[in-house]
Amino acid sequence: MGNRNNAYLRRGYLTAAAVLAVFVLFTLLAVTVDMAAVPAKVVTADGWGRSDTETVRVGFSSLNVPVSDSLGFSDLWFSLSKYLGYLCILLGAACACVFAVQLVRTRSIRKVDHDAKSVVFLIALFVVFYLLFELLHVNNRPVIVDPAEWPEASYPSTHTLMGVMLAGGTGMFLQKRLGAGRGTAAAWAAGVLGALTVVTRLLSGVHWLTDILGGLLLGAASLLLFRTLLKAGQVNG
């Protein structure tokens, strides 16, 4: 049984690393292949139009530009995705509170439950990714929603990371903590929230398609790592 569990953990870590490698390769391709300068979209009272002065350089332009044009800009989907993102953050914060309460009670991080430490690690990883890509600024959003804030970093989509890492990770955490029944229901609810966050962000038109795909890849790698960490806690606990 021990060898089987160790083999499962190795596969889990290797799978997470493989997906992360695909994300890195995809990112390199997204900033080198089929690059083009495209006039930025500007939100107006009547909808949206093309800027006469601001341009955006984007890779995979033959794919990204037609998809972006077909989506346009939707204030409804943009606002909805924003509030769904807030819910993802609240879920992550609630899970972090479990860690904080146990830490205060036990006064030792070693005595905190493994799953609580793992979910805080996942949240910290999300924060690191957010700060890293704000600094790297791989590309800009295709649309100028607020001229005072543009150019805004666009890759990978932060809301996609929220939906996959925070909502998805919360679902796994609650399923393990609450067990069958309530835990499964909570996991499904969190999964639906995460999926809606990603879909509404795509439909809003404020990201390139590759921003969403990059977020899905990085989020999936993180979630695979988190799932393996949870399993490691069961094996070693």
C-alpha atoms as a PDB file:
ATOM      1  CA  MET A   1       0.000   0.000   0.000  1.00  0.00           C
ATOM      2  CA  GLY A   2       2.843   2.382   0.855  1.00  0.00           C
ATOM      3  CA  ASN A   3       4.533   1.903  -2.511  1.00  0.00           C
ATOM      4  CA  ARG A   4       1.213   2.436  -4.282  1.00  0.00           C
ATOM      5  CA  ASN A   5       0.594   5.682  -2.406  1.00  0.00           C
ATOM      6  CA  ASN A   6       4.118   6.931  -3.087  1.00  0.00           C
ATOM      7  CA  ALA A   7       3.707   6.120  -6.776  1.00  0.00           C
ATOM      8  CA  TYR A   8       0.436   8.084  -6.808  1.00  0.00           C
ATOM      9  CA  LEU A   9       2.139  11.077  -5.226  1.00  0.00           C
ATOM     10  CA  ARG A  10       5.010  10.959  -7.717  1.00  0.00           C
ATOM     11  CA  ARG A  11       2.542  10.852 -10.606  1.00  0.00           C
ATOM     12  CA  GLY A  12       0.669  13.768  -9.098  1.00  0.00           C
ATOM     13  CA  TYR A  13       3.755  15.949  -8.763  1.00  0.00           C
ATOM     14  CA  LEU A  14       5.008  14.976 -12.219  1.00  0.00           C
ATOM     15  CA  THR A  15       1.633  15.711 -13.809  1.00  0.00           C
ATOM     16  CA  ALA A  16       1.515  19.142 -12.162  1.00  0.00           C
ATOM     17  CA  ALA A  17       5.064  19.830 -13.366  1.00  0.00           C
ATOM     18  CA  ALA A  18       4.189  18.685 -16.897  1.00  0.00           C
ATOM     19  CA  VAL A  19       1.167  21.012 -17.100  1.00  0.00           C
ATOM     20  CA  LEU A  20       3.301  23.847 -15.733  1.00  0.00           C
ATOM     21  CA  ALA A  21       5.868  23.145 -18.476  1.00  0.00           C
ATOM     22  CA  VAL A  22       3.088  23.320 -21.081  1.00  0.00           C
ATOM     23  CA  PHE A  23       2.048  26.687 -19.617  1.00  0.00           C
ATOM     24  CA  VAL A  24       5.611  28.014 -19.876  1.00  0.00           C
ATOM     25  CA  LEU A  25       5.893  26.819 -23.486  1.00  0.00           C
ATOM     26  CA  PHE A  26       2.485  28.276 -24.337  1.00  0.00           C
ATOM     27  CA  THR A  27       3.509  31.610 -22.793  1.00  0.00           C
ATOM     28  CA  LEU A  28       6.688  31.728 -24.866  1.00  0.00           C
ATOM     29  CA  LEU A  29       4.711  30.995 -28.020  1.00  0.00           C
ATOM     30  CA  ALA A  30       2.074  33.588 -27.107  1.00  0.00           C
ATOM     31  CA  VAL A  31       4.679  36.349 -27.076  1.00  0.00           C
ATOM     32  CA  THR A  32       6.589  35.288 -30.196  1.00  0.00           C
ATOM     33  CA  VAL A  33       4.262  33.603 -32.721  1.00  0.00           C
ATOM     34  CA  ASP A  34       2.107  35.613 -35.165  1.00  0.00           C
ATOM     35  CA  MET A  35       2.709  38.927 -33.373  1.00  0.00           C
ATOM     36  CA  ALA A  36       0.754  41.942 -34.614  1.00  0.00           C
ATOM     37  CA  ALA A  37      -0.046  45.480 -33.516  1.00  0.00           C
ATOM     38  CA  VAL A  38      -3.814  45.906 -33.225  1.00  0.00           C
ATOM     39  CA  PRO A  39      -5.754  49.115 -32.503  1.00  0.00           C
ATOM     40  CA  ALA A  40      -7.152  48.851 -28.982  1.00  0.00           C
ATOM     41  CA  LYS A  41     -10.891  48.676 -28.438  1.00  0.00           C
ATOM     42  CA  VAL A  42     -12.385  51.676 -26.651  1.00  0.00           C
ATOM     43  CA  VAL A  43     -15.615  51.525 -24.656  1.00  0.00           C
ATOM     44  CA  THR A  44     -18.041  54.282 -25.627  1.00  0.00           C
ATOM     45  CA  ALA A  45     -21.587  55.217 -24.657  1.00  0.00           C
ATOM     46  CA  ASP A  46     -22.826  53.471 -27.808  1.00  0.00           C
ATOM     47  CA  GLY A  47     -20.777  50.305 -27.335  1.00  0.00           C
ATOM     48  CA  TRP A  48     -17.176  50.056 -28.448  1.00  0.00           C
ATOM     49  CA  GLY A  49     -14.926  51.170 -31.262  1.00  0.00           C
ATOM     50  CA  ARG A  50     -11.280  51.128 -32.338  1.00  0.00           C
ATOM     51  CA  SER A  51      -8.802  53.647 -30.962  1.00  0.00           C
ATOM     52  CA  ASP A  52      -7.040  55.961 -33.417  1.00  0.00           C
ATOM     53  CA  THR A  53      -3.966  56.309 -31.213  1.00  0.00           C
ATOM     54  CA  GLU A  54      -3.542  53.270 -28.923  1.00  0.00           C
ATOM     55  CA  THR A  55      -2.366  49.912 -30.228  1.00  0.00           C
ATOM     56  CA  VAL A  56      -1.849  46.536 -28.578  1.00  0.00           C
ATOM     57  CA  ARG A  57       0.765  43.980 -29.602  1.00  0.00           C
ATOM     58  CA  VAL A  58      -0.505  40.435 -29.275  1.00  0.00           C
ATOM     59  CA  GLY A  59       0.682  36.979 -30.286  1.00  0.00           C
ATOM     60  CA  PHE A  60      -1.442  34.387 -32.083  1.00  0.00           C
ATOM     61  CA  SER A  61      -3.107  37.423 -33.652  1.00  0.00           C
ATOM     62  CA  SER A  62      -4.848  35.367 -36.353  1.00  0.00           C
ATOM     63  CA  LEU A  63      -6.728  33.634 -33.541  1.00  0.00           C
ATOM     64  CA  ASN A  64      -6.939  36.329 -30.895  1.00  0.00           C
ATOM     65  CA  VAL A  65      -8.132  39.243 -33.023  1.00  0.00           C
ATOM     66  CA  PRO A  66     -11.148  37.534 -34.694  1.00  0.00           C
ATOM     67  CA  VAL A  67     -12.275  36.093 -31.346  1.00  0.00           C
ATOM     68  CA  SER A  68     -11.877  39.482 -29.676  1.00  0.00           C
ATOM     69  CA  ASP A  69     -13.821  41.195 -32.468  1.00  0.00           C
ATOM     70  CA  SER A  70     -16.635  38.657 -32.268  1.00  0.00           C
ATOM     71  CA  LEU A  71     -16.923  39.101 -28.495  1.00  0.00           C
ATOM     72  CA  GLY A  72     -16.699  42.896 -28.558  1.00  0.00           C
ATOM     73  CA  PHE A  73     -17.261  44.236 -25.051  1.00  0.00           C
ATOM     74  CA  SER A  74     -20.096  43.460 -22.659  1.00  0.00           C
ATOM     75  CA  ASP A  75     -20.512  45.579 -19.548  1.00  0.00           C
ATOM     76  CA  LEU A  76     -22.988  43.002 -18.201  1.00  0.00           C
ATOM     77  CA  TRP A  77     -20.552  40.089 -18.411  1.00  0.00           C
ATOM     78  CA  PHE A  78     -17.700  42.322 -17.246  1.00  0.00           C
ATOM     79  CA  SER A  79     -19.572  43.379 -14.097  1.00  0.00           C
ATOM     80  CA  LEU A  80     -20.838  39.851 -13.415  1.00  0.00           C
ATOM     81  CA  SER A  81     -17.353  38.355 -13.755  1.00  0.00           C
ATOM     82  CA  LYS A  82     -16.027  40.985 -11.370  1.00  0.00           C
ATOM     83  CA  TYR A  83     -18.536  40.083  -8.647  1.00  0.00           C
ATOM     84  CA  LEU A  84     -18.029  36.367  -9.196  1.00  0.00           C
ATOM     85  CA  GLY A  85     -14.320  36.997  -8.714  1.00  0.00           C
ATOM     86  CA  TYR A  86     -15.088  38.656  -5.388  1.00  0.00           C
ATOM     87  CA  LEU A  87     -16.972  35.511  -4.346  1.00  0.00           C
ATOM     88  CA  CYS A  88     -13.947  33.376  -5.256  1.00  0.00           C
ATOM     89  CA  ILE A  89     -11.775  35.598  -3.064  1.00  0.00           C
ATOM     90  CA  LEU A  90     -14.274  35.348  -0.189  1.00  0.00           C
ATOM     91  CA  LEU A  91     -14.224  31.557  -0.426  1.00  0.00           C
ATOM     92  CA  GLY A  92     -10.445  31.534  -0.342  1.00  0.00           C
ATOM     93  CA  ALA A  93     -10.445  33.902   2.639  1.00  0.00           C
ATOM     94  CA  ALA A  94     -12.927  31.665   4.491  1.00  0.00           C
ATOM     95  CA  CYS A  95     -10.619  28.679   4.013  1.00  0.00           C
ATOM     96  CA  ALA A  96      -7.661  30.757   5.199  1.00  0.00           C
ATOM     97  CA  CYS A  97      -9.655  31.569   8.344  1.00  0.00           C
ATOM     98  CA  VAL A  98      -9.696  27.858   9.207  1.00  0.00           C
ATOM     99  CA  PHE A  99      -5.898  27.934   9.169  1.00  0.00           C
ATOM    100  CA  ALA A 100      -5.778  31.167  11.188  1.00  0.00           C
ATOM    101  CA  VAL A 101      -8.158  29.892  13.887  1.00  0.00           C
ATOM    102  CA  GLN A 102      -6.224  26.645  14.302  1.00  0.00           C
ATOM    103  CA  LEU A 103      -2.934  28.522  14.434  1.00  0.00           C
ATOM    104  CA  VAL A 104      -4.219  30.809  17.182  1.00  0.00           C
ATOM    105  CA  ARG A 105      -5.634  27.898  19.173  1.00  0.00           C
ATOM    106  CA  THR A 106      -2.621  25.602  18.904  1.00  0.00           C
ATOM    107  CA  ARG A 107       0.068  28.317  18.755  1.00  0.00           C
ATOM    108  CA  SER A 108       2.047  26.015  16.485  1.00  0.00           C
ATOM    109  CA  ILE A 109       1.912  25.762  12.722  1.00  0.00           C
ATOM    110  CA  ARG A 110       2.959  22.111  13.020  1.00  0.00           C
ATOM    111  CA  LYS A 111      -0.315  21.358  14.822  1.00  0.00           C
ATOM    112  CA  VAL A 112      -2.486  22.948  12.153  1.00  0.00           C
ATOM    113  CA  ASP A 113      -4.306  20.421   9.943  1.00  0.00           C
ATOM    114  CA  HIS A 114      -2.441  19.518   6.793  1.00  0.00           C
ATOM    115  CA  ASP A 115      -5.344  20.422   4.523  1.00  0.00           C
ATOM    116  CA  ALA A 116      -5.605  23.899   6.101  1.00  0.00           C
ATOM    117  CA  LYS A 117      -1.897  24.499   5.520  1.00  0.00           C
ATOM    118  CA  SER A 118      -2.223  23.221   1.956  1.00  0.00           C
ATOM    119  CA  VAL A 119      -5.087  25.561   1.076  1.00  0.00           C
ATOM    120  CA  VAL A 120      -3.175  28.553   2.483  1.00  0.00           C
ATOM    121  CA  PHE A 121      -0.222  27.503   0.333  1.00  0.00           C
ATOM    122  CA  LEU A 122      -2.521  27.489  -2.717  1.00  0.00           C
ATOM    123  CA  ILE A 123      -3.823  30.972  -1.870  1.00  0.00           C
ATOM    124  CA  ALA A 124      -0.268  32.240  -1.382  1.00  0.00           C
ATOM    125  CA  LEU A 125       0.664  30.731  -4.755  1.00  0.00           C
ATOM    126  CA  PHE A 126      -2.197  32.631  -6.383  1.00  0.00           C
ATOM    127  CA  VAL A 127      -0.942  35.890  -4.850  1.00  0.00           C
ATOM    128  CA  VAL A 128       2.593  35.176  -6.100  1.00  0.00           C
ATOM    129  CA  PHE A 129       1.322  34.529  -9.628  1.00  0.00           C
ATOM    130  CA  TYR A 130      -0.750  37.705  -9.554  1.00  0.00           C
ATOM    131  CA  LEU A 131       2.178  39.861  -8.465  1.00  0.00           C
ATOM    132  CA  LEU A 132       4.610  38.144 -10.830  1.00  0.00           C
ATOM    133  CA  PHE A 133       2.537  38.695 -13.954  1.00  0.00           C
ATOM    134  CA  GLU A 134       1.643  42.234 -12.967  1.00  0.00           C
ATOM    135  CA  LEU A 135       5.397  42.832 -12.911  1.00  0.00           C
ATOM    136  CA  LEU A 136       6.162  40.932 -16.126  1.00  0.00           C
ATOM    137  CA  HIS A 137       3.219  42.510 -17.991  1.00  0.00           C
ATOM    138  CA  VAL A 138       3.219  39.944 -20.806  1.00  0.00           C
ATOM    139  CA  ASN A 139       0.602  41.812 -22.840  1.00  0.00           C
ATOM    140  CA  ASN A 140      -2.153  44.414 -22.497  1.00  0.00           C
ATOM    141  CA  ARG A 141      -5.905  44.016 -22.504  1.00  0.00           C
ATOM    142  CA  PRO A 142      -7.527  44.389 -25.914  1.00  0.00           C
ATOM    143  CA  VAL A 143     -10.034  46.932 -24.588  1.00  0.00           C
ATOM    144  CA  ILE A 144      -9.644  50.252 -22.778  1.00  0.00           C
ATOM    145  CA  VAL A 145     -12.379  50.210 -20.145  1.00  0.00           C
ATOM    146  CA  ASP A 146     -10.869  52.957 -17.995  1.00  0.00           C
ATOM    147  CA  PRO A 147      -8.294  55.197 -19.725  1.00  0.00           C
ATOM    148  CA  ALA A 148      -6.796  56.094 -16.340  1.00  0.00           C
ATOM    149  CA  GLU A 149      -5.889  52.433 -15.691  1.00  0.00           C
ATOM    150  CA  TRP A 150      -4.808  51.400 -19.197  1.00  0.00           C
ATOM    151  CA  PRO A 151      -2.549  49.728 -20.208  1.00  0.00           C
ATOM    152  CA  GLU A 152      -3.504  46.883 -17.884  1.00  0.00           C
ATOM    153  CA  ALA A 153      -1.696  43.553 -17.649  1.00  0.00           C
ATOM    154  CA  SER A 154      -3.778  40.890 -19.352  1.00  0.00           C
ATOM    155  CA  TYR A 155      -1.889  37.567 -19.304  1.00  0.00           C
ATOM    156  CA  PRO A 156      -2.825  35.258 -17.756  1.00  0.00           C
ATOM    157  CA  SER A 157      -6.395  36.204 -16.848  1.00  0.00           C
ATOM    158  CA  THR A 158      -6.474  36.789 -13.087  1.00  0.00           C
ATOM    159  CA  HIS A 159     -10.180  35.964 -12.929  1.00  0.00           C
ATOM    160  CA  THR A 160      -9.484  32.654 -14.644  1.00  0.00           C
ATOM    161  CA  LEU A 161      -6.876  31.913 -11.972  1.00  0.00           C
ATOM    162  CA  MET A 162      -9.434  32.878  -9.312  1.00  0.00           C
ATOM    163  CA  GLY A 163     -12.008  30.525 -10.797  1.00  0.00           C
ATOM    164  CA  VAL A 164      -9.618  27.590 -11.100  1.00  0.00           C
ATOM    165  CA  MET A 165      -7.312  28.040  -8.100  1.00  0.00           C
ATOM    166  CA  LEU A 166      -9.496  29.723  -5.476  1.00  0.00           C
ATOM    167  CA  ALA A 167     -12.923  28.291  -6.293  1.00  0.00           C
ATOM    168  CA  GLY A 168     -11.556  24.929  -7.434  1.00  0.00           C
ATOM    169  CA  GLY A 169      -9.195  24.633  -4.486  1.00  0.00           C
ATOM    170  CA  THR A 170     -11.946  25.631  -2.061  1.00  0.00           C
ATOM    171  CA  GLY A 171     -14.151  22.907  -3.480  1.00  0.00           C
ATOM    172  CA  MET A 172     -11.468  20.264  -2.934  1.00  0.00           C
ATOM    173  CA  PHE A 173     -10.790  21.571   0.571  1.00  0.00           C
ATOM    174  CA  LEU A 174     -14.473  21.516   1.572  1.00  0.00           C
ATOM    175  CA  GLN A 175     -15.032  18.086   0.070  1.00  0.00           C
ATOM    176  CA  LYS A 176     -12.194  16.646   2.127  1.00  0.00           C
ATOM    177  CA  ARG A 177     -13.169  18.509   5.275  1.00  0.00           C
ATOM    178  CA  LEU A 178     -16.934  17.946   5.168  1.00  0.00           C
ATOM    179  CA  GLY A 179     -16.917  14.492   3.627  1.00  0.00           C
ATOM    180  CA  ALA A 180     -19.618  12.924   1.465  1.00  0.00           C
ATOM    181  CA  GLY A 181     -22.935  14.692   1.214  1.00  0.00           C
ATOM    182  CA  ARG A 182     -22.319  18.266   2.317  1.00  0.00           C
ATOM    183  CA  GLY A 183     -18.728  18.213   1.111  1.00  0.00           C
ATOM    184  CA  THR A 184     -19.662  16.947  -2.333  1.00  0.00           C
ATOM    185  CA  ALA A 185     -22.434  19.546  -2.654  1.00  0.00           C
ATOM    186  CA  ALA A 186     -20.052  22.314  -1.588  1.00  0.00           C
ATOM    187  CA  ALA A 187     -17.439  21.100  -4.080  1.00  0.00           C
ATOM    188  CA  TRP A 188     -19.974  21.164  -6.928  1.00  0.00           C
ATOM    189  CA  ALA A 189     -21.136  24.652  -5.946  1.00  0.00           C
ATOM    190  CA  ALA A 190     -17.559  25.911  -5.866  1.00  0.00           C
ATOM    191  CA  GLY A 191     -16.887  24.262  -9.215  1.00  0.00           C
ATOM    192  CA  VAL A 192     -19.895  25.974 -10.799  1.00  0.00           C
ATOM    193  CA  LEU A 193     -18.755  29.307  -9.364  1.00  0.00           C
ATOM    194  CA  GLY A 194     -15.296  28.800 -10.807  1.00  0.00           C
ATOM    195  CA  ALA A 195     -16.627  27.824 -14.241  1.00  0.00           C
ATOM    196  CA  LEU A 196     -18.982  30.818 -14.336  1.00  0.00           C
ATOM    197  CA  THR A 197     -16.140  33.146 -13.378  1.00  0.00           C
ATOM    198  CA  VAL A 198     -14.028  31.915 -16.292  1.00  0.00           C
ATOM    199  CA  VAL A 199     -16.864  31.907 -18.856  1.00  0.00           C
ATOM    200  CA  THR A 200     -18.196  35.354 -17.956  1.00  0.00           C
ATOM    201  CA  ARG A 201     -14.693  36.800 -18.070  1.00  0.00           C
ATOM    202  CA  LEU A 202     -14.210  35.411 -21.562  1.00  0.00           C
ATOM    203  CA  LEU A 203     -17.602  36.704 -22.740  1.00  0.00           C
ATOM    204  CA  SER A 204     -16.894  40.170 -21.328  1.00  0.00           C
ATOM    205  CA  GLY A 205     -14.287  40.713 -24.056  1.00  0.00           C
ATOM    206  CA  VAL A 206     -11.670  42.276 -21.767  1.00  0.00           C
ATOM    207  CA  HIS A 207      -9.140  39.506 -22.405  1.00  0.00           C
ATOM    208  CA  TRP A 208      -7.547  37.818 -25.371  1.00  0.00           C
ATOM    209  CA  LEU A 209      -8.435  34.159 -25.789  1.00  0.00           C
ATOM    210  CA  THR A 210      -4.825  33.205 -25.027  1.00  0.00           C
ATOM    211  CA  ASP A 211      -5.112  35.061 -21.684  1.00  0.00           C
ATOM    212  CA  ILE A 212      -7.927  32.719 -20.713  1.00  0.00           C
ATOM    213  CA  LEU A 213      -6.118  29.620 -21.994  1.00  0.00           C
ATOM    214  CA  GLY A 214      -2.936  30.598 -20.148  1.00  0.00           C
ATOM    215  CA  GLY A 215      -4.928  31.081 -16.944  1.00  0.00           C
ATOM    216  CA  LEU A 216      -6.521  27.667 -17.364  1.00  0.00           C
ATOM    217  CA  LEU A 217      -3.145  25.986 -17.826  1.00  0.00           C
ATOM    218  CA  LEU A 218      -1.470  27.695 -14.866  1.00  0.00           C
ATOM    219  CA  GLY A 219      -4.555  27.182 -12.707  1.00  0.00           C
ATOM    220  CA  ALA A 220      -4.743  23.503 -13.645  1.00  0.00           C
ATOM    221  CA  ALA A 221      -1.066  22.959 -12.761  1.00  0.00           C
ATOM    222  CA  SER A 222      -1.632  24.619  -9.377  1.00  0.00           C
ATOM    223  CA  LEU A 223      -4.795  22.618  -8.695  1.00  0.00           C
ATOM    224  CA  LEU A 224      -3.054  19.338  -9.575  1.00  0.00           C
ATOM    225  CA  LEU A 225      -0.289  20.215  -7.132  1.00  0.00           C
ATOM    226  CA  PHE A 226      -2.842  21.085  -4.453  1.00  0.00           C
ATOM    227  CA  ARG A 227      -4.702  17.805  -4.950  1.00  0.00           C
ATOM    228  CA  THR A 228      -1.433  15.912  -4.578  1.00  0.00           C
ATOM    229  CA  LEU A 229      -0.599  17.829  -1.400  1.00  0.00           C
ATOM    230  CA  LEU A 230      -3.973  16.875   0.057  1.00  0.00           C
ATOM    231  CA  LYS A 231      -3.291  13.233  -0.781  1.00  0.00           C
ATOM    232  CA  ALA A 232       0.181  13.504   0.760  1.00  0.00           C
ATOM    233  CA  GLY A 233      -1.448  14.637   3.995  1.00  0.00           C
ATOM    234  CA  GLN A 234      -3.654  11.519   4.013  1.00  0.00           C
ATOM    235  CA  VAL A 235      -0.705   9.239   3.278  1.00  0.00           C
ATOM    236  CA  ASN A 236       1.631  10.777   5.842  1.00  0.00           C
ATOM    237  CA  GLY A 237      -1.049  11.610   8.399  1.00  0.00           C
END
